[in-house]
N, C-alpha and C. Protein backbone atom coordinates (compact mmCIF):
# COMPACT_ATOMS: atom_id res chain seq x y z
N MET A 1 -43.33 -28.41 -3.27
CA MET A 1 -44.27 -29.55 -3.28
C MET A 1 -43.24 -30.74 -3.01
N SER A 2 -43.70 -31.66 -2.04
CA SER A 2 -43.15 -32.79 -1.61
C SER A 2 -44.11 -33.95 -1.58
N ASP A 3 -43.72 -35.07 -2.27
CA ASP A 3 -44.73 -36.15 -2.54
C ASP A 3 -44.01 -37.55 -2.01
N GLY A 4 -42.91 -37.51 -1.19
CA GLY A 4 -42.15 -38.78 -0.79
C GLY A 4 -41.11 -39.07 -1.80
N MET A 5 -41.03 -38.46 -2.92
CA MET A 5 -40.18 -38.72 -3.93
C MET A 5 -39.21 -37.53 -4.05
N GLY A 6 -39.18 -36.66 -2.99
CA GLY A 6 -38.33 -35.38 -3.24
C GLY A 6 -38.99 -34.16 -3.10
N SER A 7 -38.31 -33.09 -3.27
CA SER A 7 -38.95 -31.80 -3.28
C SER A 7 -38.80 -30.98 -4.58
N PHE A 8 -39.75 -30.32 -4.88
CA PHE A 8 -39.70 -29.41 -6.15
C PHE A 8 -40.11 -28.01 -5.78
N ARG A 9 -39.25 -27.15 -6.51
CA ARG A 9 -39.68 -25.63 -6.37
C ARG A 9 -39.56 -25.10 -7.79
N SER A 10 -40.34 -24.18 -8.03
CA SER A 10 -40.27 -23.45 -9.36
C SER A 10 -40.39 -21.95 -9.01
N GLY A 11 -39.86 -21.18 -10.07
CA GLY A 11 -39.90 -19.81 -9.92
C GLY A 11 -39.11 -19.11 -11.01
N THR A 12 -38.83 -17.86 -10.80
CA THR A 12 -38.06 -17.09 -11.75
C THR A 12 -37.12 -16.28 -11.11
N TYR A 13 -36.03 -15.89 -11.77
CA TYR A 13 -35.06 -14.91 -11.30
C TYR A 13 -34.76 -14.04 -12.38
N THR A 14 -34.37 -12.71 -12.20
CA THR A 14 -33.99 -11.78 -13.10
C THR A 14 -32.45 -11.65 -13.08
N GLY A 15 -32.04 -11.82 -14.35
CA GLY A 15 -30.43 -11.53 -14.34
C GLY A 15 -29.96 -10.15 -14.15
N THR A 16 -28.93 -10.18 -13.42
CA THR A 16 -28.36 -8.92 -13.00
C THR A 16 -26.94 -8.69 -13.38
N GLY A 17 -26.16 -9.78 -13.72
CA GLY A 17 -24.86 -9.83 -14.20
C GLY A 17 -23.99 -9.91 -12.96
N ALA A 18 -24.59 -9.76 -11.72
CA ALA A 18 -23.72 -9.83 -10.61
C ALA A 18 -24.29 -11.17 -9.72
N ALA A 19 -23.44 -11.69 -9.17
CA ALA A 19 -23.77 -13.05 -8.27
C ALA A 19 -24.86 -12.81 -7.54
N GLN A 20 -25.90 -13.77 -7.40
CA GLN A 20 -27.03 -13.72 -6.57
C GLN A 20 -27.35 -15.14 -6.16
N ASN A 21 -28.30 -15.19 -5.11
CA ASN A 21 -28.66 -16.45 -4.34
C ASN A 21 -30.15 -16.51 -4.78
N VAL A 22 -30.58 -17.88 -4.80
CA VAL A 22 -32.04 -18.03 -4.96
C VAL A 22 -32.29 -19.01 -3.80
N SER A 23 -33.21 -18.71 -2.87
CA SER A 23 -33.51 -19.57 -1.66
C SER A 23 -34.72 -20.56 -1.96
N LEU A 24 -34.62 -21.60 -1.66
CA LEU A 24 -35.54 -22.62 -1.84
C LEU A 24 -36.03 -23.38 -0.56
N GLY A 25 -35.33 -23.34 0.43
CA GLY A 25 -35.50 -24.10 1.67
C GLY A 25 -34.76 -25.48 1.61
N PHE A 26 -34.06 -25.69 0.52
CA PHE A 26 -33.21 -26.99 0.34
C PHE A 26 -32.16 -26.61 -0.58
N ILE A 27 -31.02 -27.54 -0.79
CA ILE A 27 -30.09 -27.44 -1.78
C ILE A 27 -30.57 -28.45 -2.78
N PRO A 28 -30.79 -28.05 -4.06
CA PRO A 28 -31.26 -29.00 -4.96
C PRO A 28 -30.19 -29.84 -5.72
N ASP A 29 -30.66 -30.96 -6.11
CA ASP A 29 -29.74 -31.95 -6.92
C ASP A 29 -29.67 -31.63 -8.35
N VAL A 30 -30.95 -31.06 -8.86
CA VAL A 30 -31.00 -30.72 -10.20
C VAL A 30 -31.88 -29.47 -10.44
N ILE A 31 -31.46 -28.70 -11.31
CA ILE A 31 -32.13 -27.38 -11.64
C ILE A 31 -32.22 -27.35 -13.19
N TRP A 32 -33.39 -27.11 -13.68
CA TRP A 32 -33.78 -26.87 -15.04
C TRP A 32 -33.95 -25.33 -15.24
N VAL A 33 -33.33 -24.77 -16.00
CA VAL A 33 -33.39 -23.20 -16.29
C VAL A 33 -33.54 -22.94 -17.61
N THR A 34 -34.35 -21.97 -17.99
CA THR A 34 -34.56 -21.35 -19.33
C THR A 34 -34.64 -19.95 -19.41
N ASN A 35 -34.14 -19.20 -20.26
CA ASN A 35 -34.11 -17.80 -20.43
C ASN A 35 -35.58 -17.65 -21.10
N VAL A 36 -36.46 -17.01 -20.52
CA VAL A 36 -37.85 -16.72 -21.09
C VAL A 36 -37.83 -15.52 -21.71
N THR A 37 -36.83 -14.62 -21.49
CA THR A 37 -36.92 -13.33 -22.07
C THR A 37 -36.76 -13.49 -23.65
N ASP A 38 -35.67 -14.05 -24.02
CA ASP A 38 -35.40 -14.26 -25.39
C ASP A 38 -35.14 -15.56 -25.77
N GLY A 39 -35.22 -16.57 -24.94
CA GLY A 39 -35.12 -18.16 -25.33
C GLY A 39 -33.83 -18.50 -25.82
N ASP A 40 -32.65 -17.69 -25.63
CA ASP A 40 -31.52 -18.15 -26.26
C ASP A 40 -30.66 -19.07 -25.32
N ALA A 41 -31.12 -19.44 -24.22
CA ALA A 41 -30.46 -20.36 -23.26
C ALA A 41 -31.34 -21.19 -22.47
N ALA A 42 -31.05 -22.47 -22.42
CA ALA A 42 -31.84 -23.50 -21.53
C ALA A 42 -30.82 -24.59 -21.21
N PHE A 43 -30.84 -25.08 -19.92
CA PHE A 43 -29.86 -26.13 -19.60
C PHE A 43 -30.42 -26.70 -18.27
N MET A 44 -29.86 -27.88 -18.22
CA MET A 44 -30.05 -28.78 -16.95
C MET A 44 -28.73 -28.68 -16.05
N VAL A 45 -28.83 -28.26 -14.83
CA VAL A 45 -27.76 -28.16 -13.86
C VAL A 45 -27.81 -29.28 -12.91
N MET A 46 -26.81 -30.06 -12.74
CA MET A 46 -26.84 -31.22 -11.72
C MET A 46 -25.85 -30.72 -10.45
N LEU A 47 -26.15 -30.67 -9.41
CA LEU A 47 -25.32 -30.12 -8.36
C LEU A 47 -24.71 -31.28 -7.55
N ASN A 48 -23.50 -31.37 -7.18
CA ASN A 48 -22.99 -32.44 -6.16
C ASN A 48 -22.56 -31.79 -4.96
N ALA A 49 -22.51 -32.59 -3.96
CA ALA A 49 -22.24 -32.30 -2.52
C ALA A 49 -20.83 -31.61 -2.59
N ASP A 50 -20.02 -31.91 -3.40
CA ASP A 50 -18.67 -31.19 -3.45
C ASP A 50 -18.70 -29.88 -4.01
N GLU A 51 -20.01 -29.42 -4.34
CA GLU A 51 -20.11 -27.99 -4.90
C GLU A 51 -19.69 -27.94 -6.22
N THR A 52 -19.77 -29.05 -6.99
CA THR A 52 -19.48 -28.80 -8.39
C THR A 52 -20.81 -28.81 -9.22
N ALA A 53 -20.88 -28.20 -10.15
CA ALA A 53 -21.89 -28.21 -11.18
C ALA A 53 -21.74 -28.87 -12.56
N TYR A 54 -22.57 -29.57 -12.83
CA TYR A 54 -22.43 -30.27 -14.30
C TYR A 54 -23.66 -29.90 -15.19
N ILE A 55 -23.34 -29.21 -16.34
CA ILE A 55 -24.31 -28.94 -17.23
C ILE A 55 -24.62 -29.84 -18.27
N THR A 56 -25.77 -30.25 -18.49
CA THR A 56 -26.15 -31.14 -19.43
C THR A 56 -27.36 -30.68 -20.36
N ASN A 57 -27.64 -31.22 -21.47
CA ASN A 57 -28.74 -30.86 -22.43
C ASN A 57 -28.76 -29.34 -22.45
N ALA A 58 -27.62 -28.63 -22.69
CA ALA A 58 -27.74 -27.26 -22.88
C ALA A 58 -28.06 -26.81 -24.32
N ILE A 59 -28.81 -25.67 -24.41
CA ILE A 59 -29.20 -25.06 -25.70
C ILE A 59 -28.54 -23.52 -25.41
N GLY A 60 -27.68 -23.24 -26.09
CA GLY A 60 -26.89 -22.05 -26.07
C GLY A 60 -25.42 -22.50 -25.79
N ASP A 61 -24.66 -21.63 -25.13
CA ASP A 61 -23.20 -21.73 -25.01
C ASP A 61 -22.94 -22.48 -23.41
N ALA A 62 -23.03 -23.79 -23.58
CA ALA A 62 -22.78 -24.56 -22.12
C ALA A 62 -21.58 -24.06 -21.46
N ALA A 63 -20.55 -23.93 -22.25
CA ALA A 63 -19.22 -23.62 -21.63
C ALA A 63 -19.18 -22.59 -20.85
N SER A 64 -20.06 -21.51 -21.13
CA SER A 64 -20.08 -20.25 -20.54
C SER A 64 -20.79 -20.28 -19.00
N VAL A 65 -21.63 -21.22 -18.94
CA VAL A 65 -22.37 -21.56 -17.68
C VAL A 65 -21.74 -22.67 -16.94
N ALA A 66 -20.66 -23.27 -17.34
CA ALA A 66 -20.14 -24.40 -16.52
C ALA A 66 -19.89 -24.07 -15.08
N ASP A 67 -19.43 -22.88 -14.81
CA ASP A 67 -19.16 -22.48 -13.40
C ASP A 67 -20.26 -21.30 -12.91
N ALA A 68 -21.49 -21.45 -13.61
CA ALA A 68 -22.44 -20.38 -13.34
C ALA A 68 -23.14 -20.74 -11.96
N PHE A 69 -23.40 -21.96 -11.67
CA PHE A 69 -24.37 -22.34 -10.58
C PHE A 69 -23.34 -23.21 -9.67
N SER A 70 -23.89 -22.96 -8.26
CA SER A 70 -23.38 -23.70 -7.11
C SER A 70 -24.33 -23.79 -6.09
N PRO A 71 -24.19 -24.79 -5.21
CA PRO A 71 -25.15 -24.92 -4.02
C PRO A 71 -24.91 -23.62 -3.03
N PHE A 72 -26.08 -23.27 -2.53
CA PHE A 72 -26.02 -22.26 -1.51
C PHE A 72 -26.75 -22.74 -0.15
N ALA A 73 -25.82 -22.85 0.82
CA ALA A 73 -26.15 -23.40 1.97
C ALA A 73 -27.10 -22.50 2.92
N GLY A 74 -27.15 -21.23 2.65
CA GLY A 74 -27.93 -20.34 3.32
C GLY A 74 -27.16 -19.57 4.39
N THR A 75 -27.80 -18.67 5.07
CA THR A 75 -26.94 -17.98 6.17
C THR A 75 -27.72 -18.16 7.56
N GLU A 76 -27.20 -18.33 8.62
CA GLU A 76 -27.80 -18.51 9.89
C GLU A 76 -28.64 -17.26 10.10
N GLY A 77 -29.90 -17.47 10.38
CA GLY A 77 -30.86 -16.40 10.80
C GLY A 77 -31.26 -15.68 9.58
N GLY A 78 -30.86 -16.03 8.32
CA GLY A 78 -31.11 -15.16 7.22
C GLY A 78 -31.75 -16.05 6.16
N VAL A 79 -31.00 -15.94 4.87
CA VAL A 79 -31.65 -16.48 3.77
C VAL A 79 -31.43 -18.12 3.77
N GLY A 80 -32.58 -18.73 3.25
CA GLY A 80 -32.51 -20.23 3.25
C GLY A 80 -31.67 -20.88 2.27
N ALA A 81 -31.46 -22.06 2.42
CA ALA A 81 -30.73 -22.89 1.37
C ALA A 81 -31.29 -22.76 -0.18
N GLY A 82 -30.49 -23.05 -1.07
CA GLY A 82 -30.96 -23.12 -2.36
C GLY A 82 -29.70 -23.05 -3.38
N PHE A 83 -29.51 -22.48 -4.42
CA PHE A 83 -28.52 -22.12 -5.37
C PHE A 83 -28.04 -20.87 -5.56
N SER A 84 -26.91 -20.63 -6.00
CA SER A 84 -26.14 -19.48 -6.33
C SER A 84 -26.07 -19.47 -7.94
N ILE A 85 -26.16 -18.27 -8.44
CA ILE A 85 -25.85 -17.88 -9.83
C ILE A 85 -24.74 -17.02 -9.93
N GLY A 86 -23.63 -17.38 -10.58
CA GLY A 86 -22.59 -16.53 -10.78
C GLY A 86 -22.75 -15.45 -11.80
N THR A 87 -21.70 -14.96 -12.28
CA THR A 87 -21.76 -13.79 -13.28
C THR A 87 -21.72 -14.16 -14.59
N SER A 88 -21.98 -15.33 -15.07
CA SER A 88 -22.25 -15.72 -16.33
C SER A 88 -23.11 -14.90 -17.25
N ALA A 89 -22.68 -14.52 -18.25
CA ALA A 89 -23.50 -13.71 -19.10
C ALA A 89 -24.59 -14.46 -19.92
N VAL A 90 -24.58 -15.77 -19.84
CA VAL A 90 -25.75 -16.58 -20.32
C VAL A 90 -26.66 -17.09 -19.24
N ALA A 91 -26.17 -17.16 -18.05
CA ALA A 91 -27.09 -17.78 -17.00
C ALA A 91 -27.58 -16.67 -16.17
N ASN A 92 -26.89 -15.49 -16.37
CA ASN A 92 -27.32 -14.34 -15.43
C ASN A 92 -27.29 -13.00 -16.15
N GLU A 93 -27.79 -13.07 -17.58
CA GLU A 93 -27.89 -11.93 -18.33
C GLU A 93 -28.79 -10.78 -18.00
N SER A 94 -28.14 -9.76 -17.87
CA SER A 94 -28.73 -8.58 -17.00
C SER A 94 -29.92 -8.28 -17.85
N GLY A 95 -30.99 -8.14 -16.89
CA GLY A 95 -32.45 -7.69 -17.38
C GLY A 95 -33.25 -8.86 -17.84
N ASP A 96 -32.64 -10.01 -18.23
CA ASP A 96 -33.50 -11.14 -18.72
C ASP A 96 -34.04 -11.90 -17.66
N VAL A 97 -35.32 -12.46 -17.93
CA VAL A 97 -36.02 -13.34 -16.84
C VAL A 97 -35.64 -14.79 -17.10
N PHE A 98 -35.30 -15.55 -16.22
CA PHE A 98 -35.07 -16.99 -16.15
C PHE A 98 -36.00 -17.74 -15.34
N ARG A 99 -36.71 -18.69 -15.88
CA ARG A 99 -37.55 -19.64 -15.22
C ARG A 99 -36.75 -20.93 -14.88
N TYR A 100 -36.88 -21.42 -13.69
CA TYR A 100 -36.19 -22.57 -13.16
C TYR A 100 -37.28 -23.58 -12.51
N VAL A 101 -36.94 -24.73 -12.25
CA VAL A 101 -37.62 -25.92 -11.68
C VAL A 101 -36.39 -26.51 -10.86
N ALA A 102 -36.42 -26.52 -9.67
CA ALA A 102 -35.26 -27.27 -8.84
C ALA A 102 -35.96 -28.37 -8.07
N GLN A 103 -35.14 -29.61 -7.96
CA GLN A 103 -35.63 -30.80 -7.44
C GLN A 103 -34.50 -31.31 -6.43
N ARG A 104 -34.89 -31.65 -5.25
CA ARG A 104 -34.16 -32.52 -4.32
C ARG A 104 -34.61 -33.73 -4.26
N GLY A 105 -33.77 -34.75 -4.37
CA GLY A 105 -34.13 -36.13 -4.34
C GLY A 105 -34.53 -36.46 -2.90
N GLN A 106 -35.07 -37.77 -2.70
CA GLN A 106 -35.61 -38.28 -1.53
C GLN A 106 -34.41 -38.37 -0.40
N THR A 107 -34.72 -37.84 0.63
CA THR A 107 -33.63 -37.59 1.63
C THR A 107 -33.77 -38.72 2.89
N ASP A 108 -34.67 -39.42 2.77
CA ASP A 108 -34.82 -40.47 4.03
C ASP A 108 -34.22 -41.84 3.68
């Protein structure tokens, strides 16, 4: 969805314990994530252009997800831009389903 104030995408991913990418068609500025399987983690992730992530408003162990998310530029002729999820046991708990809402700010 785009309304002149940026773009939003929502969806789910299933934790695998192994690094994975989520394609959105853009690199988000902010991602809200919650573990919907058991509700033991929820956090807001702010991504910077220098590829660092800042976790704020965490429910659960924020320290263990500090390096769990990063921007994903996509691959040429392949998967589109979005975000990467690392091997964090909190943000990528194997078998658990996570719901996310990703937002990119206005780009013009």
